[in-house]
Amino acid sequence: MGLFQWGEKRFARGIAKAMIRSFLLYKTNDPNLNELGLVRQALSDRPGNAAKELLKELDDNEFWVNTAGSSFFEVVYLLVRMEYLEHMKGTIVDENIKTLSIFKDVIKNEFTNSNL
């Protein structure tokens, strides 16, 4: 994995933008929801197995606190990684440090641009 950075950037940007848009929509429509509630709602809008798996994991508070660091950013990062592996028909062994860095940078940029 990792032959074409532009493809990886585009992949991560598309998911990050969709998740941020959904998160902000729910935040506007229900300002009483906490961050975990907003993350759950945004994930519930996302098609595919990766989002469903993350939703199940979020039922465990330890996952939210320890793995996701109680952070929407980290959930989006995990989602991008999981969807990318699924798309590439790869496994965790196939992950490339450079690709992971690209994902993090792209997601961080999208969060910054959206004022999250």
Protein backbone atom coordinates (compact mmCIF):
# COMPACT_ATOMS: atom_id res chain seq x y z
CA MET A 1 0.00 0.00 0.00
CA GLY A 2 1.04 3.55 -0.39
CA LEU A 3 2.00 3.85 -4.04
CA PHE A 4 0.02 6.99 -4.79
CA GLN A 5 -0.16 9.58 -2.04
CA TRP A 6 -2.79 11.61 -3.85
CA GLY A 7 -5.18 8.65 -3.74
CA GLU A 8 -4.59 8.13 -0.04
CA LYS A 9 -5.10 11.83 0.62
CA ARG A 10 -8.31 11.87 -1.39
CA PHE A 11 -9.56 8.75 0.38
CA ALA A 12 -8.93 10.18 3.86
CA ARG A 13 -10.28 13.63 2.94
CA GLY A 14 -13.57 12.22 1.67
CA ILE A 15 -14.24 10.24 4.82
CA ALA A 16 -13.11 13.03 7.13
CA LYS A 17 -15.30 15.62 5.39
CA ALA A 18 -18.35 13.36 5.49
CA MET A 19 -17.86 12.56 9.17
CA ILE A 20 -17.27 16.21 10.11
CA ARG A 21 -20.33 17.33 8.16
CA SER A 22 -22.48 14.72 9.90
CA PHE A 23 -21.01 15.54 13.34
CA LEU A 24 -21.65 19.28 12.91
CA LEU A 25 -25.18 18.67 11.63
CA TYR A 26 -26.04 16.62 14.71
CA LYS A 27 -24.34 19.18 16.95
CA THR A 28 -26.53 21.92 15.48
CA ASN A 29 -29.72 19.87 15.64
CA ASP A 30 -29.15 18.52 19.15
CA PRO A 31 -26.82 20.78 21.15
CA ASN A 32 -27.43 18.67 24.29
CA LEU A 33 -25.56 15.66 22.88
CA ASN A 34 -22.08 15.15 24.32
CA GLU A 35 -19.13 14.35 22.05
CA LEU A 36 -19.59 10.59 22.36
CA GLY A 37 -23.25 10.91 21.42
CA LEU A 38 -22.34 13.05 18.43
CA VAL A 39 -19.69 10.54 17.35
CA ARG A 40 -22.20 7.71 17.58
CA GLN A 41 -24.74 9.62 15.50
CA ALA A 42 -22.15 10.51 12.85
CA LEU A 43 -20.95 6.89 12.67
CA SER A 44 -24.52 5.64 12.37
CA ASP A 45 -24.83 7.61 9.12
CA ARG A 46 -21.72 5.98 7.65
CA PRO A 47 -22.27 2.92 5.46
CA GLY A 48 -20.07 -0.12 5.65
CA ASN A 49 -18.67 -2.62 8.09
CA ALA A 50 -15.96 -0.38 9.55
CA ALA A 51 -18.48 2.11 10.96
CA LYS A 52 -20.63 -0.71 12.32
CA GLU A 53 -17.61 -2.25 14.04
CA LEU A 54 -16.62 1.07 15.57
CA LEU A 55 -20.17 1.63 16.80
CA LYS A 56 -20.04 -1.73 18.58
CA GLU A 57 -16.66 -0.85 20.08
CA LEU A 58 -18.03 2.47 21.34
CA ASP A 59 -20.47 0.55 23.52
CA ASP A 60 -17.42 -0.23 25.65
CA ASN A 61 -16.51 2.93 27.54
CA GLU A 62 -12.91 1.73 27.85
CA PHE A 63 -12.59 1.77 24.07
CA TRP A 64 -13.82 5.37 23.94
CA VAL A 65 -11.44 6.46 26.70
CA ASN A 66 -8.36 4.31 26.09
CA THR A 67 -8.31 3.49 22.38
CA ALA A 68 -10.06 6.55 20.95
CA GLY A 69 -8.74 8.92 23.61
CA SER A 70 -12.27 10.33 24.01
CA SER A 71 -11.68 12.07 20.69
CA PHE A 72 -13.75 12.41 17.53
CA PHE A 73 -10.48 12.91 15.64
CA GLU A 74 -9.18 9.50 16.74
CA VAL A 75 -12.46 7.80 15.77
CA VAL A 76 -12.25 9.33 12.29
CA TYR A 77 -8.61 8.23 12.04
CA LEU A 78 -9.54 4.67 13.02
CA LEU A 79 -12.44 4.71 10.56
CA VAL A 80 -10.20 5.87 7.70
CA ARG A 81 -7.66 3.15 8.49
CA MET A 82 -10.32 0.44 8.70
CA GLU A 83 -12.09 1.52 5.50
CA TYR A 84 -8.77 1.77 3.66
CA LEU A 85 -7.76 -1.73 4.69
CA GLU A 86 -11.18 -3.01 3.66
CA HIS A 87 -10.96 -1.18 0.34
CA MET A 88 -7.47 -2.49 -0.35
CA LYS A 89 -8.39 -5.97 0.90
CA GLY A 90 -5.50 -5.72 3.33
CA THR A 91 -4.85 -6.48 6.95
CA ILE A 92 -3.29 -4.56 9.80
CA VAL A 93 0.04 -6.12 8.80
CA ASP A 94 -0.22 -4.29 5.47
CA GLU A 95 -0.41 -0.84 7.06
CA ASN A 96 2.37 1.50 6.07
CA ILE A 97 3.74 4.14 8.47
CA LYS A 98 3.87 6.70 5.66
CA THR A 99 0.24 6.05 4.74
CA LEU A 100 -0.83 6.40 8.38
CA SER A 101 1.03 9.70 8.58
CA ILE A 102 -0.70 10.93 5.43
CA PHE A 103 -4.08 9.97 6.89
CA LYS A 104 -3.36 11.81 10.14
CA ASP A 105 -2.18 14.95 8.34
CA VAL A 106 -5.18 15.05 6.00
CA ILE A 107 -7.66 14.49 8.83
CA LYS A 108 -5.96 17.11 11.00
CA ASN A 109 -6.19 19.58 8.12
CA GLU A 110 -9.89 18.89 7.62
CA PHE A 111 -10.53 19.33 11.37
CA THR A 112 -8.62 22.60 11.34
CA ASN A 113 -10.53 23.88 8.31
CA SER A 114 -13.84 23.03 9.96
CA ASN A 115 -12.88 24.70 13.28
CA LEU A 116 -13.34 21.48 15.24
